[in-house]
Protein backbone atom coordinates (compact mmCIF):
# COMPACT_ATOMS: atom_id res chain seq x y z
CA MET A 1 83.05 115.34 103.95
CA ASN A 2 83.78 116.39 100.54
CA THR A 3 86.68 115.17 99.09
CA LEU A 4 88.29 116.97 96.88
CA ARG A 5 86.73 115.12 93.80
CA ASP A 6 83.81 116.61 95.19
CA ARG A 7 84.87 120.12 95.27
CA LEU A 8 86.34 120.18 91.75
CA PRO A 9 84.08 121.09 88.69
CA ASN A 10 83.65 117.75 86.49
CA TRP A 11 85.80 119.33 84.05
CA ALA A 12 88.98 119.55 86.46
CA GLY A 13 88.23 116.41 88.28
CA GLN A 14 88.63 113.80 85.88
CA PRO A 15 92.25 114.95 85.38
CA VAL A 16 92.98 114.72 88.68
CA ILE A 17 91.89 111.32 89.15
CA PHE A 18 93.99 110.05 86.04
CA VAL A 19 96.70 111.77 87.71
CA LYS A 20 96.30 110.19 90.93
CA TRP A 21 95.77 106.99 89.36
CA LEU A 22 98.51 107.04 86.81
CA ILE A 23 100.87 107.33 90.01
CA PHE A 24 99.18 105.01 92.01
CA ALA A 25 99.29 102.49 89.27
CA CYS A 26 103.17 102.96 88.69
CA LEU A 27 103.65 102.32 92.72
CA ILE A 28 101.60 99.48 92.82
CA GLY A 29 103.36 98.09 89.45
CA LEU A 30 107.06 98.69 91.12
CA ILE A 31 106.35 96.78 94.29
CA CYS A 32 103.94 94.12 92.75
CA GLY A 33 106.38 93.54 90.05
CA GLY A 34 109.02 93.02 92.30
CA VAL A 35 107.86 90.96 94.70
CA GLY A 36 106.41 88.71 91.32
CA THR A 37 109.46 88.87 90.30
CA LEU A 38 111.13 87.48 93.43
CA PHE A 39 107.87 84.93 93.43
CA HIS A 40 109.33 83.76 90.09
CA PHE A 41 113.00 83.02 91.19
CA ALA A 42 111.88 81.35 94.01
CA ILE A 43 109.80 78.99 92.31
CA ASP A 44 112.44 78.04 89.64
CA ALA A 45 115.08 78.00 92.62
CA ALA A 46 112.84 75.46 94.04
CA ALA A 47 112.15 73.42 90.93
CA GLU A 48 115.73 73.14 90.23
CA LEU A 49 116.72 72.08 93.41
CA ARG A 50 114.62 69.28 93.46
CA GLY A 51 115.52 68.26 90.20
CA GLU A 52 118.95 68.07 91.05
CA TYR A 53 118.35 66.12 94.21
CA PRO A 54 115.07 63.80 93.23
CA TRP A 55 114.91 62.46 97.15
CA ILE A 56 113.31 65.73 97.94
CA LEU A 57 110.07 64.23 96.69
CA TRP A 58 110.07 62.18 99.92
CA LEU A 59 109.93 64.72 102.01
CA LEU A 60 106.02 65.69 100.75
CA PRO A 61 104.39 64.66 103.88
CA ALA A 62 106.76 66.79 105.85
CA GLY A 63 106.35 69.96 103.37
CA GLY A 64 102.31 69.46 103.50
CA ALA A 65 102.75 69.30 107.38
CA LEU A 66 104.75 72.11 107.53
CA ILE A 67 102.04 74.51 105.41
CA VAL A 68 99.35 73.69 107.45
CA LEU A 69 101.18 74.87 110.72
CA LEU A 70 102.59 77.86 108.85
CA TYR A 71 98.38 78.77 107.83
CA ARG A 72 97.66 77.96 111.39
CA TRP A 73 100.81 79.61 113.40
CA CYS A 74 99.63 82.64 111.78
CA GLY A 75 96.08 82.83 112.18
CA MET A 76 95.11 81.72 108.75
CA GLU A 77 93.64 78.13 109.35
CA LYS A 78 90.59 79.54 107.39
CA ASP A 79 92.65 81.06 104.63
CA ARG A 80 90.62 80.25 100.94
CA GLY A 81 92.77 80.99 98.51
CA THR A 82 91.89 83.16 95.19
CA ASN A 83 88.82 83.09 96.57
CA PHE A 84 89.53 85.89 99.65
CA VAL A 85 90.63 88.02 97.12
CA LEU A 86 88.04 87.84 94.63
CA VAL A 87 85.53 89.05 97.90
CA ALA A 88 87.65 91.85 98.48
CA VAL A 89 87.19 93.50 94.94
CA ARG A 90 83.87 92.75 94.97
CA GLU A 91 82.75 93.60 98.43
CA ASN A 92 85.86 95.77 99.67
CA GLU A 93 86.78 93.02 102.30
CA PRO A 94 89.84 93.44 103.92
CA LEU A 95 92.97 91.27 102.93
CA ARG A 96 95.83 90.42 105.52
CA LEU A 97 98.88 91.77 104.59
CA ARG A 98 100.53 88.44 106.11
CA THR A 99 98.81 86.57 103.22
CA ALA A 100 101.63 87.57 101.07
CA PRO A 101 104.47 85.86 102.67
CA LEU A 102 102.53 83.22 103.79
CA ILE A 103 101.59 82.17 99.77
CA PHE A 104 105.00 82.63 99.10
CA ALA A 105 106.57 80.33 101.33
CA ALA A 106 103.96 77.67 100.88
CA THR A 107 103.99 78.19 97.37
CA VAL A 108 108.01 77.44 97.13
CA ILE A 109 107.76 74.85 99.29
CA THR A 110 104.72 73.16 97.35
CA HIS A 111 107.32 73.06 94.61
CA LEU A 112 109.97 72.46 95.99
CA VAL A 113 108.56 68.99 97.27
CA GLY A 114 106.83 68.37 93.80
CA GLY A 115 103.61 69.06 94.78
CA SER A 116 101.38 69.75 91.35
CA SER A 117 100.22 73.10 91.30
CA GLY A 118 101.11 76.20 89.85
CA ARG A 119 102.08 79.68 90.36
CA GLU A 120 99.63 82.53 88.72
CA GLY A 121 96.67 81.91 91.23
CA ALA A 122 99.46 82.57 94.08
CA ALA A 123 100.63 85.56 91.91
CA LEU A 124 96.72 86.44 92.56
CA GLN A 125 96.95 86.57 96.30
CA LEU A 126 100.28 87.92 96.74
CA GLY A 127 99.75 91.39 94.54
CA GLY A 128 95.98 91.66 95.60
CA SER A 129 96.70 91.57 99.66
CA ILE A 130 99.80 93.49 99.23
CA SER A 131 98.32 95.91 96.69
CA SER A 132 94.78 96.11 99.36
CA LYS A 133 97.35 97.05 102.07
CA ILE A 134 98.98 99.80 100.44
CA GLY A 135 95.20 100.70 100.21
CA ARG A 136 94.21 101.42 103.68
CA TRP A 137 97.39 102.56 104.99
CA MET A 138 96.78 105.22 102.28
CA GLY A 139 93.10 106.00 103.46
CA LEU A 140 91.76 105.27 99.87
CA ASP A 141 87.64 104.91 100.31
CA ASP A 142 85.90 101.63 99.56
CA LYS A 143 86.08 101.87 95.68
CA ASP A 144 89.27 102.94 95.15
CA SER A 145 90.31 100.18 97.38
CA ARG A 146 89.44 97.94 94.96
CA VAL A 147 90.45 99.07 92.06
CA ILE A 148 93.81 99.11 93.75
CA THR A 149 93.75 95.70 94.80
CA MET A 150 92.85 95.20 90.87
CA CYS A 151 96.11 97.00 90.33
CA GLY A 152 98.09 94.72 92.46
CA MET A 153 96.64 91.36 91.01
CA SER A 154 97.32 92.52 87.68
CA ALA A 155 101.40 93.58 88.52
CA ALA A 156 101.76 90.26 90.39
CA PHE A 157 100.56 88.11 87.85
CA SER A 158 102.28 90.30 84.53
CA ALA A 159 105.36 89.95 86.09
CA LEU A 160 105.59 86.11 86.77
CA PHE A 161 103.82 85.18 83.37
CA GLY A 162 104.38 87.81 80.89
CA THR A 163 101.19 88.64 79.70
CA PRO A 164 100.35 92.01 80.63
CA LEU A 165 97.10 92.45 78.46
CA ALA A 166 95.63 89.31 79.78
CA ALA A 167 96.48 90.45 83.45
CA ALA A 168 95.22 93.24 83.26
CA VAL A 169 92.20 92.42 81.81
CA PHE A 170 91.75 88.70 84.03
CA SER A 171 91.81 91.18 87.26
CA MET A 172 89.04 93.18 85.96
CA GLU A 173 86.50 90.21 84.61
CA VAL A 174 87.04 87.70 86.80
CA VAL A 175 85.58 88.70 89.75
CA SER A 176 81.98 89.12 88.04
CA VAL A 177 80.80 87.02 85.17
CA GLY A 178 79.02 89.17 82.99
CA VAL A 179 80.29 92.40 84.48
CA MET A 180 83.93 94.42 83.68
CA TYR A 181 85.01 96.81 86.07
CA TYR A 182 85.90 99.24 83.32
CA ALA A 183 86.43 101.94 85.89
CA ALA A 184 90.08 100.08 86.60
CA ILE A 185 91.08 99.33 83.13
CA VAL A 186 93.96 102.53 82.98
CA PRO A 187 95.52 101.73 86.59
CA CYS A 188 95.09 98.36 85.57
CA THR A 189 97.01 98.51 82.46
CA ILE A 190 99.62 100.65 84.08
CA ALA A 191 100.32 98.44 86.52
CA SER A 192 100.51 95.65 84.46
CA LEU A 193 102.39 97.27 82.24
CA VAL A 194 104.74 98.40 85.46
CA GLY A 195 104.96 94.71 86.57
CA VAL A 196 106.10 93.27 83.56
CA GLY A 197 108.54 95.81 82.77
CA VAL A 198 109.69 95.19 86.61
CA ALA A 199 110.62 91.33 85.36
CA ALA A 200 111.84 91.98 82.05
CA SER A 201 115.10 94.44 83.79
CA PHE A 202 115.72 91.41 85.91
CA GLY A 203 115.75 89.29 82.84
CA VAL A 204 112.24 87.57 83.15
CA PRO A 205 111.26 85.75 79.73
CA PRO A 206 107.61 86.37 78.65
CA THR A 207 105.82 83.10 78.26
CA VAL A 208 105.53 82.98 74.47
CA TYR A 209 105.42 79.45 72.27
CA ASP A 210 106.04 79.39 68.52
CA LEU A 211 103.11 77.97 66.98
CA THR A 212 102.85 76.03 63.38
CA GLY A 213 99.97 74.33 61.91
CA VAL A 214 97.95 77.31 62.29
CA PRO A 215 95.12 76.80 59.65
CA ALA A 216 93.37 79.41 57.91
CA LEU A 217 89.94 80.43 58.69
CA SER A 218 87.28 78.27 56.44
CA ILE A 219 83.58 76.97 57.17
CA VAL A 220 85.29 73.33 57.61
CA THR A 221 88.10 74.70 60.10
CA ALA A 222 85.70 77.12 61.82
CA LEU A 223 83.13 73.77 62.17
CA GLN A 224 86.63 71.54 63.44
CA CYS A 225 86.99 74.37 66.13
CA VAL A 226 83.28 74.43 67.28
CA GLY A 227 83.82 70.98 67.73
CA MET A 228 87.15 71.03 69.95
CA GLY A 229 85.45 74.31 72.37
CA VAL A 230 82.55 71.33 72.95
CA LEU A 231 85.13 68.91 73.99
CA PHE A 232 86.67 71.69 75.92
CA ALA A 233 83.77 72.67 77.52
CA LEU A 234 83.24 69.28 79.16
CA LEU A 235 86.72 69.29 80.10
CA SER A 236 86.41 72.49 82.12
CA ILE A 237 83.61 71.16 83.59
CA LEU A 238 85.23 68.12 84.37
CA PHE A 239 88.53 69.74 86.05
CA CYS A 240 86.34 72.26 88.02
CA ARG A 241 84.21 69.15 89.50
CA VAL A 242 87.38 67.12 90.49
CA MET A 243 88.80 70.21 92.22
CA HIS A 244 85.89 70.84 94.08
CA ALA A 245 85.51 67.23 95.33
CA ALA A 246 89.07 66.64 96.36
CA PRO A 247 89.04 68.97 99.51
CA LYS A 248 85.73 67.56 100.59
CA LEU A 249 87.01 63.90 99.86
CA TYR A 250 89.75 64.71 102.81
CA ASN A 251 87.44 66.30 105.07
CA LYS A 252 85.41 63.38 104.97
CA PHE A 253 87.56 60.95 105.74
CA ILE A 254 90.87 62.74 106.99
CA PRO A 255 89.24 65.85 109.52
CA ARG A 256 92.61 66.98 110.81
CA PRO A 257 94.60 69.31 108.58
CA VAL A 258 97.85 68.31 109.54
CA LEU A 259 97.42 64.44 108.99
CA ARG A 260 95.48 65.09 105.84
CA ALA A 261 98.67 67.43 104.16
CA ALA A 262 100.63 64.15 105.18
CA VAL A 263 98.93 61.64 103.27
CA GLY A 264 97.97 64.10 100.67
CA GLY A 265 101.93 64.00 100.37
CA ALA A 266 102.32 59.92 100.58
CA LEU A 267 99.79 59.71 98.15
CA VAL A 268 101.40 62.09 95.68
CA ILE A 269 104.80 60.18 96.31
CA ALA A 270 102.32 56.88 95.54
CA LEU A 271 101.11 58.34 92.26
CA THR A 272 104.80 59.20 90.76
CA TYR A 273 105.96 55.92 91.67
CA LEU A 274 103.16 54.06 89.59
CA VAL A 275 103.48 56.41 86.97
CA TRP A 276 107.09 55.20 86.66
CA LEU A 277 105.71 51.80 86.29
CA TRP A 278 105.35 52.31 81.99
CA ASN A 279 107.69 55.54 82.15
CA PRO A 280 110.68 55.35 84.21
CA GLY A 281 111.98 57.94 85.74
CA THR A 282 109.65 60.92 84.54
CA TYR A 283 108.40 63.29 86.87
CA ASP A 284 106.61 65.55 84.12
CA TYR A 285 103.26 65.20 87.05
CA ASN A 286 105.14 67.28 89.74
CA GLY A 287 105.71 71.02 89.78
CA ALA A 288 103.70 72.81 87.44
CA GLY A 289 104.67 71.01 83.84
CA ALA A 290 105.87 74.02 82.12
CA GLY A 291 108.15 71.46 80.01
CA LEU A 292 105.11 69.03 79.04
CA ILE A 293 103.12 72.22 77.58
CA ALA A 294 105.75 73.49 75.53
CA GLN A 295 105.89 69.64 74.51
CA ALA A 296 102.31 69.73 73.41
CA ILE A 297 102.22 73.19 71.43
CA GLY A 298 105.19 71.02 69.52
CA GLY A 299 102.95 68.73 68.81
CA GLN A 300 103.59 65.76 71.15
CA ALA A 301 101.63 64.55 73.88
CA ARG A 302 100.34 61.33 76.05
CA PRO A 303 97.16 60.15 75.58
CA GLU A 304 96.69 60.03 79.46
CA ALA A 305 98.54 63.34 80.39
CA PHE A 306 95.27 65.99 81.19
CA LEU A 307 94.06 62.99 83.38
CA LEU A 308 97.16 62.28 85.45
CA LYS A 309 97.60 65.99 85.58
CA ILE A 310 93.91 66.90 87.06
CA LEU A 311 94.32 64.00 89.47
CA PHE A 312 97.99 64.63 91.13
CA THR A 313 96.37 68.77 90.95
CA ALA A 314 93.44 67.20 92.78
CA VAL A 315 95.41 64.95 95.24
CA THR A 316 97.72 67.78 95.95
CA LEU A 317 95.93 71.47 96.63
CA GLY A 318 92.67 69.29 97.93
CA ALA A 319 95.19 68.00 100.48
CA GLY A 320 96.03 71.59 102.22
CA PHE A 321 99.46 72.62 99.70
CA LYS A 322 99.18 75.97 98.05
CA GLY A 323 99.86 76.98 94.71
CA GLY A 324 97.51 77.40 92.19
CA GLU A 325 95.22 75.70 89.10
CA ILE A 326 96.01 77.92 86.03
CA VAL A 327 99.40 76.49 84.58
CA PRO A 328 97.96 73.53 85.52
CA VAL A 329 94.73 74.44 83.73
CA PHE A 330 97.29 75.29 80.56
CA PHE A 331 98.46 71.54 80.99
CA THR A 332 95.26 69.90 81.08
CA GLY A 333 93.82 71.57 78.26
CA ALA A 334 96.98 71.63 75.62
CA THR A 335 97.70 68.11 76.47
CA PHE A 336 94.31 67.19 75.81
CA GLY A 337 93.82 69.14 72.88
CA CYS A 338 96.70 67.73 71.35
CA VAL A 339 95.74 64.60 71.56
CA ALA A 340 92.09 65.40 70.71
CA ALA A 341 93.04 67.87 67.55
CA PRO A 342 93.77 65.25 64.63
CA PHE A 343 90.65 63.48 65.21
CA LEU A 344 88.85 66.53 64.16
CA GLY A 345 90.93 67.16 61.36
CA LEU A 346 92.84 69.80 63.03
CA PRO A 347 96.79 69.63 63.60
CA ALA A 348 98.21 68.66 67.11
CA THR A 349 100.23 71.97 67.92
CA PHE A 350 97.07 74.05 66.92
CA GLY A 351 94.71 71.79 68.55
CA ALA A 352 96.97 72.53 72.04
CA ALA A 353 97.18 76.09 71.81
CA LEU A 354 93.27 76.04 71.15
CA GLY A 355 93.23 73.83 74.74
CA MET A 356 95.48 75.98 76.69
CA THR A 357 93.20 79.33 75.82
CA ALA A 358 90.01 77.75 75.44
CA VAL A 359 90.36 75.01 78.85
CA PHE A 360 91.03 78.34 80.57
CA CYS A 361 88.13 80.56 79.42
CA GLY A 362 85.99 77.38 80.31
CA VAL A 363 87.28 77.42 84.09
CA THR A 364 87.75 80.43 84.91
CA ASN A 365 84.43 82.04 82.67
CA CYS A 366 86.94 84.77 81.19
CA PRO A 367 86.50 85.22 77.69
CA MET A 368 88.16 88.26 77.12
CA THR A 369 91.16 87.33 78.91
CA SER A 370 91.35 83.94 76.84
CA LEU A 371 91.41 86.25 73.95
CA PHE A 372 94.25 88.36 74.93
CA LEU A 373 96.46 85.12 76.58
CA ALA A 374 95.54 83.56 72.60
CA TYR A 375 97.02 86.83 71.53
CA GLU A 376 100.51 87.40 74.04
CA LEU A 377 101.35 83.57 73.38
CA PHE A 378 100.79 82.91 70.23
CA GLY A 379 101.14 86.02 68.64
CA GLY A 380 97.56 86.32 67.00
CA GLN A 381 97.61 83.68 64.43
CA GLY A 382 94.56 82.17 64.00
CA LEU A 383 92.48 84.38 66.41
CA PRO A 384 89.57 84.15 65.21
CA LEU A 385 89.36 80.37 65.62
CA PHE A 386 90.76 80.73 68.80
CA ALA A 387 87.71 82.95 69.36
CA LEU A 388 85.12 80.65 68.34
CA SER A 389 86.29 77.93 70.37
CA CYS A 390 86.75 79.90 73.68
CA ALA A 391 82.74 81.23 73.11
CA VAL A 392 81.98 77.52 72.48
CA ALA A 393 83.69 76.60 76.17
CA TYR A 394 82.71 79.56 78.05
CA MET A 395 78.74 79.09 76.86
CA LEU A 396 79.10 75.13 77.34
CA SER A 397 80.87 74.97 79.97
CA GLY A 398 77.60 76.34 82.14
CA TYR A 399 77.43 77.85 85.52
CA TYR A 400 80.90 75.99 87.09
CA GLY A 401 84.08 77.56 87.60
CA LEU A 402 87.60 77.31 89.81
CA TYR A 403 86.57 80.00 92.55
CA SER A 404 83.70 79.23 94.46
CA GLU A 405 83.49 83.15 95.27
CA GLN A 406 83.14 84.52 91.42
CA LYS A 407 79.55 85.50 90.95
CA ILE A 408 77.36 84.47 87.62
CA VAL A 409 75.87 88.06 87.35
CA TYR A 410 74.51 87.70 83.89
CA SER A 411 73.32 84.30 82.07
CA LYS A 412 75.24 82.80 79.52
CA PHE A 413 72.34 81.88 77.48
CA ARG A 414 69.87 84.86 77.56
CA PRO A 415 70.04 88.76 78.44
CA GLU A 416 69.00 87.74 81.92
CA PHE A 417 70.19 88.83 85.77
CA ILE A 418 71.04 85.52 87.88
CA ASP A 419 73.52 86.86 90.28
CA LYS A 420 74.71 83.51 91.50
CA LYS A 421 78.04 81.77 92.84
CA ALA A 422 79.93 79.65 90.41
CA GLU A 423 79.39 75.70 91.13
């Protein structure tokens, strides 16, 4: 059966498609932006409550067990998080609507009890599952269903983090490395802008840092940024390998999911109090760790911070807690960059900013998104140097990636079709 688009001449069909996506993207932006805004307030409330009552940390084992049981009761034991969203975009696999309330509740519980995780990855699942279901209710075909799923991802990410350009491009870039879904550029951009507008109307501030110490572009600074890019690539590989190894180790030694989550919670408690031995009273590695990211951008970071964050996050998410890896990636890159940059003659503040974007680039394989992040987070200062460091990190991180369902369509080293999954 011919669709309306098929029956219209080409010159008339394109405006109709534009208007259709203008309407659809605004709708998805309003809905997913609203959910993303609510998610932002829920996560903040959970973190504030834990900060006011530190004893809540002792509920980590119970919180982990509850999360596993919630997924079991809802028939989602085999949920693979953001990987399912990537498959939904690439192959139009259906996403269950129940994914949204589950990831919402589970991530809030993780942050409330002090697990180390982010929230942007969870936002991708929130937005993707809601918009995918809306697309099916609307009777969209396979290709349009993929686009509307990307719209939801963009809107929720944008509302939560306040970076609409990066959010729009990320949804189009993260699924298949080497291929950009340019057909989604208008709807994803509109949905992202509407999403961040919804968040702003409720008083959610965008994530912006006041960056100082940005060096001028020169041969010397370019070489220094290349050197930093090499280090960030190695750090990206380490982050990915640890994140992938943690659940395998848990499964090998503790095959029962509820017990695994409880043991993981107990391990996070033990790690927290071990950190207290040399830094009493700190909970820096529980939750997202946005405070230490800001300190690193200001030029202050402890040398061991990046390793501890990787460990805390791997122990938390590997056990079955929920959340995202993106903010822990920012934490890891910023604290490492802050410490490493002075050794190569760069300001610590600039090194932290480089680390945030370049390590993100290395683990997600999304160089264009990383450039937009650099622009939106830091105002575009030193953008050529950010581009250079991100490019090196992208190339030398090889085919590692946070998401096992991410497809590497084209080689990073030569113009060659390879079509393999990220390692």
